[in-house]
PDB file of N, CA and C in Angstrom:
ATOM      1  N   MET A   1      64.972  53.665 102.837  1.00  0.00           N
ATOM      2  CA  MET A   1      65.066  52.737 104.096  1.00  0.00           C
ATOM      3  C   MET A   1      63.999  51.941 103.896  1.00  0.00           C
ATOM      4  N   PRO A   2      64.178  50.482 103.856  1.00  0.00           N
ATOM      5  CA  PRO A   2      63.016  49.839 103.654  1.00  0.00           C
ATOM      6  C   PRO A   2      62.706  49.168 104.709  1.00  0.00           C
ATOM      7  N   LEU A   3      61.448  48.274 104.459  1.00  0.00           N
ATOM      8  CA  LEU A   3      60.298  47.873 105.832  1.00  0.00           C
ATOM      9  C   LEU A   3      61.712  47.379 107.067  1.00  0.00           C
ATOM     10  N   MET A   4      60.605  47.620 107.630  1.00  0.00           N
ATOM     11  CA  MET A   4      61.243  47.527 109.399  1.00  0.00           C
ATOM     12  C   MET A   4      60.423  46.361 109.885  1.00  0.00           C
ATOM     13  N   THR A   5      60.699  45.768 110.883  1.00  0.00           N
ATOM     14  CA  THR A   5      59.908  44.461 111.722  1.00  0.00           C
ATOM     15  C   THR A   5      60.571  44.782 112.989  1.00  0.00           C
ATOM     16  N   ILE A   6      60.253  44.315 113.919  1.00  0.00           N
ATOM     17  CA  ILE A   6      59.993  44.401 115.158  1.00  0.00           C
ATOM     18  C   ILE A   6      59.122  43.383 116.109  1.00  0.00           C
ATOM     19  N   SER A   7      59.629  42.193 116.556  1.00  0.00           N
ATOM     20  CA  SER A   7      58.668  41.050 117.552  1.00  0.00           C
ATOM     21  C   SER A   7      58.791  40.839 118.696  1.00  0.00           C
ATOM     22  N   MET A   8      58.301  41.183 120.040  1.00  0.00           N
ATOM     23  CA  MET A   8      58.744  41.344 121.074  1.00  0.00           C
ATOM     24  C   MET A   8      57.769  40.294 122.050  1.00  0.00           C
ATOM     25  N   GLN A   9      58.305  39.470 123.129  1.00  0.00           N
ATOM     26  CA  GLN A   9      57.320  39.425 124.200  1.00  0.00           C
ATOM     27  C   GLN A   9      57.572  40.428 125.096  1.00  0.00           C
ATOM     28  N   HIS A  10      56.022  40.385 125.574  1.00  0.00           N
ATOM     29  CA  HIS A  10      55.923  41.565 126.815  1.00  0.00           C
ATOM     30  C   HIS A  10      55.947  41.418 128.133  1.00  0.00           C
ATOM     31  N   GLY A  11      55.135  39.611 128.030  1.00  0.00           N
ATOM     32  CA  GLY A  11      55.083  39.377 129.425  1.00  0.00           C
ATOM     33  C   GLY A  11      54.146  40.082 130.203  1.00  0.00           C
ATOM     34  N   LYS A  12      52.763  40.364 129.601  1.00  0.00           N
ATOM     35  CA  LYS A  12      51.674  41.217 130.271  1.00  0.00           C
ATOM     36  C   LYS A  12      50.718  40.436 129.580  1.00  0.00           C
ATOM     37  N   THR A  13      49.814  40.756 130.595  1.00  0.00           N
ATOM     38  CA  THR A  13      48.260  40.410 129.932  1.00  0.00           C
ATOM     39  C   THR A  13      48.085  41.070 128.751  1.00  0.00           C
ATOM     40  N   PHE A  14      46.495  40.488 128.358  1.00  0.00           N
ATOM     41  CA  PHE A  14      46.241  41.505 126.968  1.00  0.00           C
ATOM     42  C   PHE A  14      45.551  42.352 127.244  1.00  0.00           C
ATOM     43  N   GLU A  15      45.006  42.335 128.215  1.00  0.00           N
ATOM     44  CA  GLU A  15      44.317  43.937 128.345  1.00  0.00           C
ATOM     45  C   GLU A  15      45.373  44.816 128.575  1.00  0.00           C
ATOM     46  N   GLU A  16      46.740  44.408 129.524  1.00  0.00           N
ATOM     47  CA  GLU A  16      47.808  45.590 129.968  1.00  0.00           C
ATOM     48  C   GLU A  16      48.279  45.773 128.753  1.00  0.00           C
ATOM     49  N   ALA A  17      48.743  45.042 128.005  1.00  0.00           N
ATOM     50  CA  ALA A  17      49.789  45.015 126.458  1.00  0.00           C
ATOM     51  C   ALA A  17      48.554  45.697 125.547  1.00  0.00           C
ATOM     52  N   SER A  18      47.313  45.955 125.492  1.00  0.00           N
ATOM     53  CA  SER A  18      46.195  46.691 125.260  1.00  0.00           C
ATOM     54  C   SER A  18      46.730  47.859 125.373  1.00  0.00           C
ATOM     55  N   GLN A  19      46.599  48.529 126.664  1.00  0.00           N
ATOM     56  CA  GLN A  19      46.970  49.652 127.261  1.00  0.00           C
ATOM     57  C   GLN A  19      48.230  50.378 126.408  1.00  0.00           C
ATOM     58  N   ARG A  20      49.226  49.276 126.857  1.00  0.00           N
ATOM     59  CA  ARG A  20      50.935  49.912 127.102  1.00  0.00           C
ATOM     60  C   ARG A  20      50.733  50.582 125.297  1.00  0.00           C
ATOM     61  N   LEU A  21      50.283  49.695 124.114  1.00  0.00           N
ATOM     62  CA  LEU A  21      49.910  49.706 122.879  1.00  0.00           C
ATOM     63  C   LEU A  21      49.942  51.343 122.689  1.00  0.00           C
ATOM     64  N   ALA A  22      48.900  51.551 123.294  1.00  0.00           N
ATOM     65  CA  ALA A  22      48.475  53.069 123.381  1.00  0.00           C
ATOM     66  C   ALA A  22      49.109  54.040 124.300  1.00  0.00           C
ATOM     67  N   THR A  23      50.156  53.603 124.932  1.00  0.00           N
ATOM     68  CA  THR A  23      50.921  54.304 125.019  1.00  0.00           C
ATOM     69  C   THR A  23      52.523  54.718 124.806  1.00  0.00           C
ATOM     70  N   ALA A  24      52.826  53.215 123.840  1.00  0.00           N
ATOM     71  CA  ALA A  24      53.385  53.504 122.656  1.00  0.00           C
ATOM     72  C   ALA A  24      53.319  54.393 121.522  1.00  0.00           C
ATOM     73  N   VAL A  25      52.015  54.260 121.026  1.00  0.00           N
ATOM     74  CA  VAL A  25      51.217  54.851 119.524  1.00  0.00           C
ATOM     75  C   VAL A  25      51.830  56.690 120.509  1.00  0.00           C
ATOM     76  N   ASP A  26      50.985  56.838 121.470  1.00  0.00           N
ATOM     77  CA  ASP A  26      51.383  58.701 122.159  1.00  0.00           C
ATOM     78  C   ASP A  26      52.997  58.844 122.141  1.00  0.00           C
ATOM     79  N   ALA A  27      53.286  57.896 122.196  1.00  0.00           N
ATOM     80  CA  ALA A  27      55.013  58.288 122.158  1.00  0.00           C
ATOM     81  C   ALA A  27      55.205  58.282 121.163  1.00  0.00           C
ATOM     82  N   VAL A  28      55.056  57.880 120.045  1.00  0.00           N
ATOM     83  CA  VAL A  28      54.981  57.717 118.680  1.00  0.00           C
ATOM     84  C   VAL A  28      54.946  59.106 118.018  1.00  0.00           C
ATOM     85  N   THR A  29      53.909  59.499 118.271  1.00  0.00           N
ATOM     86  CA  THR A  29      52.627  60.446 117.752  1.00  0.00           C
ATOM     87  C   THR A  29      53.584  61.918 118.131  1.00  0.00           C
ATOM     88  N   ARG A  30      53.527  61.826 119.671  1.00  0.00           N
ATOM     89  CA  ARG A  30      54.630  62.755 120.028  1.00  0.00           C
ATOM     90  C   ARG A  30      56.027  63.287 119.538  1.00  0.00           C
ATOM     91  N   ARG A  31      56.873  62.245 118.994  1.00  0.00           N
ATOM     92  CA  ARG A  31      58.221  61.710 118.157  1.00  0.00           C
ATOM     93  C   ARG A  31      57.849  62.880 117.393  1.00  0.00           C
ATOM     94  N   LEU A  32      56.845  61.802 116.368  1.00  0.00           N
ATOM     95  CA  LEU A  32      56.502  62.558 114.988  1.00  0.00           C
ATOM     96  C   LEU A  32      55.566  63.666 114.576  1.00  0.00           C
ATOM     97  N   GLY A  33      55.146  64.060 115.583  1.00  0.00           N
ATOM     98  CA  GLY A  33      54.352  65.505 115.796  1.00  0.00           C
ATOM     99  C   GLY A  33      53.863  65.607 114.403  1.00  0.00           C
ATOM    100  N   THR A  34      53.603  66.627 113.713  1.00  0.00           N
ATOM    101  CA  THR A  34      52.552  66.776 112.553  1.00  0.00           C
ATOM    102  C   THR A  34      52.909  66.121 111.301  1.00  0.00           C
ATOM    103  N   LEU A  35      53.909  65.013 111.767  1.00  0.00           N
ATOM    104  CA  LEU A  35      54.079  64.342 110.559  1.00  0.00           C
ATOM    105  C   LEU A  35      52.673  63.020 110.642  1.00  0.00           C
ATOM    106  N   VAL A  36      52.820  63.010 111.183  1.00  0.00           N
ATOM    107  CA  VAL A  36      51.393  61.903 111.716  1.00  0.00           C
ATOM    108  C   VAL A  36      50.460  62.668 111.126  1.00  0.00           C
ATOM    109  N   ARG A  37      49.694  62.295 109.947  1.00  0.00           N
ATOM    110  CA  ARG A  37      47.999  62.323 109.392  1.00  0.00           C
ATOM    111  C   ARG A  37      47.137  61.525 110.022  1.00  0.00           C
ATOM    112  N   ARG A  38      47.433  59.907 110.599  1.00  0.00           N
ATOM    113  CA  ARG A  38      46.114  59.636 110.613  1.00  0.00           C
ATOM    114  C   ARG A  38      46.493  58.326 111.127  1.00  0.00           C
ATOM    115  N   VAL A  39      45.868  58.060 112.279  1.00  0.00           N
ATOM    116  CA  VAL A  39      45.689  57.185 113.414  1.00  0.00           C
ATOM    117  C   VAL A  39      44.552  56.025 113.569  1.00  0.00           C
ATOM    118  N   GLU A  40      44.615  55.000 113.037  1.00  0.00           N
ATOM    119  CA  GLU A  40      43.868  53.870 112.473  1.00  0.00           C
ATOM    120  C   GLU A  40      44.123  52.621 113.790  1.00  0.00           C
ATOM    121  N   TRP A  41      42.981  52.380 114.388  1.00  0.00           N
ATOM    122  CA  TRP A  41      42.589  51.336 115.315  1.00  0.00           C
ATOM    123  C   TRP A  41      41.511  50.996 114.819  1.00  0.00           C
ATOM    124  N   SER A  42      41.872  49.455 115.717  1.00  0.00           N
ATOM    125  CA  SER A  42      40.976  47.957 115.898  1.00  0.00           C
ATOM    126  C   SER A  42      40.165  48.596 116.378  1.00  0.00           C
ATOM    127  N   THR A  43      38.806  47.830 115.914  1.00  0.00           N
ATOM    128  CA  THR A  43      38.128  47.956 117.252  1.00  0.00           C
ATOM    129  C   THR A  43      38.230  47.474 118.641  1.00  0.00           C
ATOM    130  N   ASP A  44      39.273  46.752 118.306  1.00  0.00           N
ATOM    131  CA  ASP A  44      39.162  45.779 120.367  1.00  0.00           C
ATOM    132  C   ASP A  44      40.575  46.255 120.714  1.00  0.00           C
ATOM    133  N   ARG A  45      40.990  47.413 119.978  1.00  0.00           N
ATOM    134  CA  ARG A  45      41.933  48.278 120.187  1.00  0.00           C
ATOM    135  C   ARG A  45      44.240  48.104 120.355  1.00  0.00           C
ATOM    136  N   SER A  46      43.743  46.025 119.825  1.00  0.00           N
ATOM    137  CA  SER A  46      44.813  45.181 119.628  1.00  0.00           C
ATOM    138  C   SER A  46      45.710  45.763 118.561  1.00  0.00           C
ATOM    139  N   GLN A  47      45.294  46.666 117.274  1.00  0.00           N
ATOM    140  CA  GLN A  47      46.234  46.958 116.798  1.00  0.00           C
ATOM    141  C   GLN A  47      46.072  48.168 115.635  1.00  0.00           C
ATOM    142  N   VAL A  48      47.015  48.664 115.381  1.00  0.00           N
ATOM    143  CA  VAL A  48      46.968  50.276 115.116  1.00  0.00           C
ATOM    144  C   VAL A  48      47.707  50.640 114.304  1.00  0.00           C
ATOM    145  N   ARG A  49      46.931  51.901 112.952  1.00  0.00           N
ATOM    146  CA  ARG A  49      48.299  52.371 111.560  1.00  0.00           C
ATOM    147  C   ARG A  49      47.968  53.603 112.103  1.00  0.00           C
ATOM    148  N   LEU A  50      49.537  53.888 111.668  1.00  0.00           N
ATOM    149  CA  LEU A  50      49.965  55.324 111.981  1.00  0.00           C
ATOM    150  C   LEU A  50      50.523  55.952 110.035  1.00  0.00           C
ATOM    151  N   GLU A  51      50.043  56.682 109.982  1.00  0.00           N
ATOM    152  CA  GLU A  51      50.448  56.807 108.593  1.00  0.00           C
ATOM    153  C   GLU A  51      50.593  57.942 108.360  1.00  0.00           C
ATOM    154  N   GLY A  52      51.661  58.539 107.316  1.00  0.00           N
ATOM    155  CA  GLY A  52      51.757  60.054 107.042  1.00  0.00           C
ATOM    156  C   GLY A  52      52.168  60.168 105.630  1.00  0.00           C
ATOM    157  N   ILE A  53      52.616  61.663 105.048  1.00  0.00           N
ATOM    158  CA  ILE A  53      53.189  61.566 104.063  1.00  0.00           C
ATOM    159  C   ILE A  53      54.403  60.394 103.872  1.00  0.00           C
ATOM    160  N   GLY A  54      54.506  59.703 103.009  1.00  0.00           N
ATOM    161  CA  GLY A  54      55.368  58.877 102.744  1.00  0.00           C
ATOM    162  C   GLY A  54      56.139  58.247 103.883  1.00  0.00           C
ATOM    163  N   PHE A  55      54.970  57.767 105.066  1.00  0.00           N
ATOM    164  CA  PHE A  55      55.410  56.390 105.695  1.00  0.00           C
ATOM    165  C   PHE A  55      53.879  56.162 106.421  1.00  0.00           C
ATOM    166  N   TRP A  56      54.430  54.626 107.011  1.00  0.00           N
ATOM    167  CA  TRP A  56      53.409  54.107 107.614  1.00  0.00           C
ATOM    168  C   TRP A  56      54.320  53.180 108.933  1.00  0.00           C
ATOM    169  N   ILE A  57      53.121  53.183 109.941  1.00  0.00           N
ATOM    170  CA  ILE A  57      53.669  52.212 110.792  1.00  0.00           C
ATOM    171  C   ILE A  57      52.363  51.437 111.557  1.00  0.00           C
ATOM    172  N   ALA A  58      52.350  49.742 111.584  1.00  0.00           N
ATOM    173  CA  ALA A  58      51.435  48.921 112.076  1.00  0.00           C
ATOM    174  C   ALA A  58      52.101  48.696 113.463  1.00  0.00           C
ATOM    175  N   MET A  59      51.278  48.683 114.709  1.00  0.00           N
ATOM    176  CA  MET A  59      51.683  48.082 115.444  1.00  0.00           C
ATOM    177  C   MET A  59      50.381  46.702 115.922  1.00  0.00           C
ATOM    178  N   GLN A  60      50.598  46.054 116.790  1.00  0.00           N
ATOM    179  CA  GLN A  60      49.823  44.845 116.972  1.00  0.00           C
ATOM    180  C   GLN A  60      50.302  44.127 118.329  1.00  0.00           C
ATOM    181  N   VAL A  61      49.383  44.053 119.385  1.00  0.00           N
ATOM    182  CA  VAL A  61      49.248  42.964 120.322  1.00  0.00           C
ATOM    183  C   VAL A  61      48.559  41.651 120.326  1.00  0.00           C
ATOM    184  N   ASP A  62      49.345  40.891 120.833  1.00  0.00           N
ATOM    185  CA  ASP A  62      48.439  39.686 120.782  1.00  0.00           C
ATOM    186  C   ASP A  62      48.606  39.181 122.195  1.00  0.00           C
ATOM    187  N   VAL A  63      48.378  38.243 122.509  1.00  0.00           N
ATOM    188  CA  VAL A  63      48.341  37.088 124.315  1.00  0.00           C
ATOM    189  C   VAL A  63      50.113  37.144 124.479  1.00  0.00           C
ATOM    190  N   GLN A  64      50.965  36.945 123.221  1.00  0.00           N
ATOM    191  CA  GLN A  64      51.952  37.187 124.326  1.00  0.00           C
ATOM    192  C   GLN A  64      53.211  38.102 123.365  1.00  0.00           C
ATOM    193  N   VAL A  65      53.036  38.715 122.047  1.00  0.00           N
ATOM    194  CA  VAL A  65      53.996  39.015 122.054  1.00  0.00           C
ATOM    195  C   VAL A  65      53.398  40.810 120.723  1.00  0.00           C
ATOM    196  N   VAL A  66      54.123  41.724 120.951  1.00  0.00           N
ATOM    197  CA  VAL A  66      54.321  43.027 120.108  1.00  0.00           C
ATOM    198  C   VAL A  66      54.587  42.782 119.330  1.00  0.00           C
ATOM    199  N   HIS A  67      53.971  43.141 117.934  1.00  0.00           N
ATOM    200  CA  HIS A  67      54.721  43.212 116.578  1.00  0.00           C
ATOM    201  C   HIS A  67      54.661  44.754 116.406  1.00  0.00           C
ATOM    202  N   VAL A  68      55.752  44.695 115.373  1.00  0.00           N
ATOM    203  CA  VAL A  68      55.554  46.607 114.797  1.00  0.00           C
ATOM    204  C   VAL A  68      56.461  46.113 113.596  1.00  0.00           C
ATOM    205  N   SER A  69      55.727  46.912 112.436  1.00  0.00           N
ATOM    206  CA  SER A  69      55.789  46.507 110.571  1.00  0.00           C
ATOM    207  C   SER A  69      56.302  48.203 110.850  1.00  0.00           C
ATOM    208  N   ALA A  70      57.166  49.057 110.129  1.00  0.00           N
ATOM    209  CA  ALA A  70      57.474  50.057 109.457  1.00  0.00           C
ATOM    210  C   ALA A  70      58.149  50.083 108.373  1.00  0.00           C
ATOM    211  N   ASP A  71      57.271  51.098 107.563  1.00  0.00           N
ATOM    212  CA  ASP A  71      57.832  51.904 105.857  1.00  0.00           C
ATOM    213  C   ASP A  71      58.399  52.986 106.194  1.00  0.00           C
ATOM    214  N   ILE A  72      59.129  53.655 106.352  1.00  0.00           N
ATOM    215  CA  ILE A  72      59.966  54.351 106.280  1.00  0.00           C
ATOM    216  C   ILE A  72      60.861  55.486 105.672  1.00  0.00           C
ATOM    217  N   PRO A  73      60.082  55.248 103.805  1.00  0.00           N
ATOM    218  CA  PRO A  73      61.695  55.842 103.266  1.00  0.00           C
ATOM    219  C   PRO A  73      61.901  57.381 103.440  1.00  0.00           C
ATOM    220  N   VAL A  74      60.600  57.661 103.408  1.00  0.00           N
ATOM    221  CA  VAL A  74      60.855  59.500 103.268  1.00  0.00           C
ATOM    222  C   VAL A  74      61.490  59.778 104.512  1.00  0.00           C
ATOM    223  N   LEU A  75      60.562  59.532 105.807  1.00  0.00           N
ATOM    224  CA  LEU A  75      61.872  59.789 106.904  1.00  0.00           C
ATOM    225  C   LEU A  75      63.114  59.373 107.250  1.00  0.00           C
ATOM    226  N   GLY A  76      63.302  58.054 106.610  1.00  0.00           N
ATOM    227  CA  GLY A  76      64.031  57.345 106.596  1.00  0.00           C
ATOM    228  C   GLY A  76      65.343  59.211 106.049  1.00  0.00           C
ATOM    229  N   ARG A  77      65.073  59.431 104.868  1.00  0.00           N
ATOM    230  CA  ARG A  77      65.667  60.283 104.009  1.00  0.00           C
ATOM    231  C   ARG A  77      65.945  61.621 104.329  1.00  0.00           C
ATOM    232  N   LEU A  78      65.115  61.893 105.351  1.00  0.00           N
ATOM    233  CA  LEU A  78      64.719  63.247 106.290  1.00  0.00           C
ATOM    234  C   LEU A  78      65.359  63.272 107.185  1.00  0.00           C
ATOM    235  N   LEU A  79      65.375  62.607 108.089  1.00  0.00           N
ATOM    236  CA  LEU A  79      65.866  62.290 109.129  1.00  0.00           C
ATOM    237  C   LEU A  79      66.913  61.269 109.734  1.00  0.00           C
ATOM    238  N   GLY A  80      67.472  60.814 108.758  1.00  0.00           N
ATOM    239  CA  GLY A  80      68.436  59.646 108.705  1.00  0.00           C
ATOM    240  C   GLY A  80      67.883  58.454 109.864  1.00  0.00           C
ATOM    241  N   SER A  81      68.955  58.065 110.034  1.00  0.00           N
ATOM    242  CA  SER A  81      68.336  56.612 110.905  1.00  0.00           C
ATOM    243  C   SER A  81      67.956  56.452 112.526  1.00  0.00           C
ATOM    244  N   SER A  82      67.830  57.916 113.234  1.00  0.00           N
ATOM    245  CA  SER A  82      67.270  58.332 114.183  1.00  0.00           C
ATOM    246  C   SER A  82      65.586  57.735 114.218  1.00  0.00           C
ATOM    247  N   VAL A  83      65.293  57.600 112.555  1.00  0.00           N
ATOM    248  CA  VAL A  83      63.714  57.410 113.505  1.00  0.00           C
ATOM    249  C   VAL A  83      63.500  55.605 113.809  1.00  0.00           C
ATOM    250  N   PRO A  84      63.544  54.673 113.091  1.00  0.00           N
ATOM    251  CA  PRO A  84      64.268  53.034 113.414  1.00  0.00           C
ATOM    252  C   PRO A  84      64.464  53.072 114.621  1.00  0.00           C
ATOM    253  N   THR A  85      65.587  54.317 115.336  1.00  0.00           N
ATOM    254  CA  THR A  85      66.177  53.771 116.528  1.00  0.00           C
ATOM    255  C   THR A  85      65.075  53.884 117.791  1.00  0.00           C
ATOM    256  N   HIS A  86      64.606  55.551 117.147  1.00  0.00           N
ATOM    257  CA  HIS A  86      63.881  55.557 118.432  1.00  0.00           C
ATOM    258  C   HIS A  86      61.942  54.972 118.270  1.00  0.00           C
ATOM    259  N   LEU A  87      62.245  54.735 117.201  1.00  0.00           N
ATOM    260  CA  LEU A  87      61.000  53.251 116.975  1.00  0.00           C
ATOM    261  C   LEU A  87      61.105  52.324 118.477  1.00  0.00           C
ATOM    262  N   LYS A  88      62.410  51.409 118.027  1.00  0.00           N
ATOM    263  CA  LYS A  88      62.607  50.583 118.546  1.00  0.00           C
ATOM    264  C   LYS A  88      62.464  51.234 120.268  1.00  0.00           C
ATOM    265  N   ALA A  89      63.061  52.063 120.520  1.00  0.00           N
ATOM    266  CA  ALA A  89      63.181  52.118 121.911  1.00  0.00           C
ATOM    267  C   ALA A  89      62.142  52.413 122.679  1.00  0.00           C
ATOM    268  N   ILE A  90      60.960  53.120 121.628  1.00  0.00           N
ATOM    269  CA  ILE A  90      59.662  53.301 122.553  1.00  0.00           C
ATOM    270  C   ILE A  90      58.900  52.140 122.453  1.00  0.00           C
ATOM    271  N   VAL A  91      59.141  51.337 121.867  1.00  0.00           N
ATOM    272  CA  VAL A  91      58.659  50.260 121.801  1.00  0.00           C
ATOM    273  C   VAL A  91      59.274  49.288 123.104  1.00  0.00           C
ATOM    274  N   ARG A  92      60.535  49.358 123.291  1.00  0.00           N
ATOM    275  CA  ARG A  92      61.278  48.579 124.051  1.00  0.00           C
ATOM    276  C   ARG A  92      61.087  48.886 125.809  1.00  0.00           C
ATOM    277  N   ARG A  93      60.883  50.497 125.571  1.00  0.00           N
ATOM    278  CA  ARG A  93      60.455  50.942 127.090  1.00  0.00           C
ATOM    279  C   ARG A  93      59.086  50.714 127.525  1.00  0.00           C
ATOM    280  N   THR A  94      58.555  51.048 126.781  1.00  0.00           N
ATOM    281  CA  THR A  94      57.268  50.726 127.388  1.00  0.00           C
ATOM    282  C   THR A  94      56.413  48.782 126.792  1.00  0.00           C
ATOM    283  N   PHE A  95      57.016  48.594 126.480  1.00  0.00           N
ATOM    284  CA  PHE A  95      56.471  46.602 126.716  1.00  0.00           C
ATOM    285  C   PHE A  95      57.852  46.169 127.752  1.00  0.00           C
ATOM    286  N   GLN A  96      59.123  46.155 128.066  1.00  0.00           N
ATOM    287  CA  GLN A  96      59.851  45.589 128.756  1.00  0.00           C
ATOM    288  C   GLN A  96      59.123  45.565 129.626  1.00  0.00           C
ATOM    289  N   ARG A  97      60.282  44.583 130.534  1.00  0.00           N
ATOM    290  CA  ARG A  97      59.579  43.393 131.909  1.00  0.00           C
ATOM    291  C   ARG A  97      60.088  44.070 132.920  1.00  0.00           C
ATOM    292  N   THR A  98      58.738  44.400 133.948  1.00  0.00           N
ATOM    293  CA  THR A  98      59.339  45.294 134.936  1.00  0.00           C
ATOM    294  C   THR A  98      59.260  44.045 136.452  1.00  0.00           C
ATOM    295  N   LEU A  99      60.510  44.437 136.662  1.00  0.00           N
ATOM    296  CA  LEU A  99      61.197  43.630 137.732  1.00  0.00           C
ATOM    297  C   LEU A  99      60.309  43.901 138.993  1.00  0.00           C
ATOM    298  N   LYS A 100      59.756  42.804 139.604  1.00  0.00           N
ATOM    299  CA  LYS A 100      58.716  42.522 140.753  1.00  0.00           C
ATOM    300  C   LYS A 100      59.831  42.619 142.333  1.00  0.00           C
ATOM    301  N   LYS A 101      59.542  43.685 142.765  1.00  0.00           N
ATOM    302  CA  LYS A 101      60.296  43.443 144.141  1.00  0.00           C
ATOM    303  C   LYS A 101      59.778  42.212 145.140  1.00  0.00           C
ATOM    304  N   ALA A 102      60.759  41.885 145.559  1.00  0.00           N
ATOM    305  CA  ALA A 102      60.572  40.751 146.689  1.00  0.00           C
ATOM    306  C   ALA A 102      59.964  41.217 148.451  1.00  0.00           C
TER     307      ALA A 102
END
């Protein structure tokens, strides 16, 4: 499976987006379980790279956008198209805009 990229506006403050990035990483690591061998954060916690045998996922937030890149050739062959689908769903769920009640 080739390189996958997702970028979406998060509509959050940088601090909140960084917190949500941690939430997304937790969800991904729960989903992939022991397949994740290493999680490496930047010092400001705005970037993270998850690595496992035969795959990597990089996630980053800036003041407007969350960016996700992943290369999951082995996982794609083992688990089919469910991995990119679940990764996209986790990112969308975690960063989607929430409507404020009037």
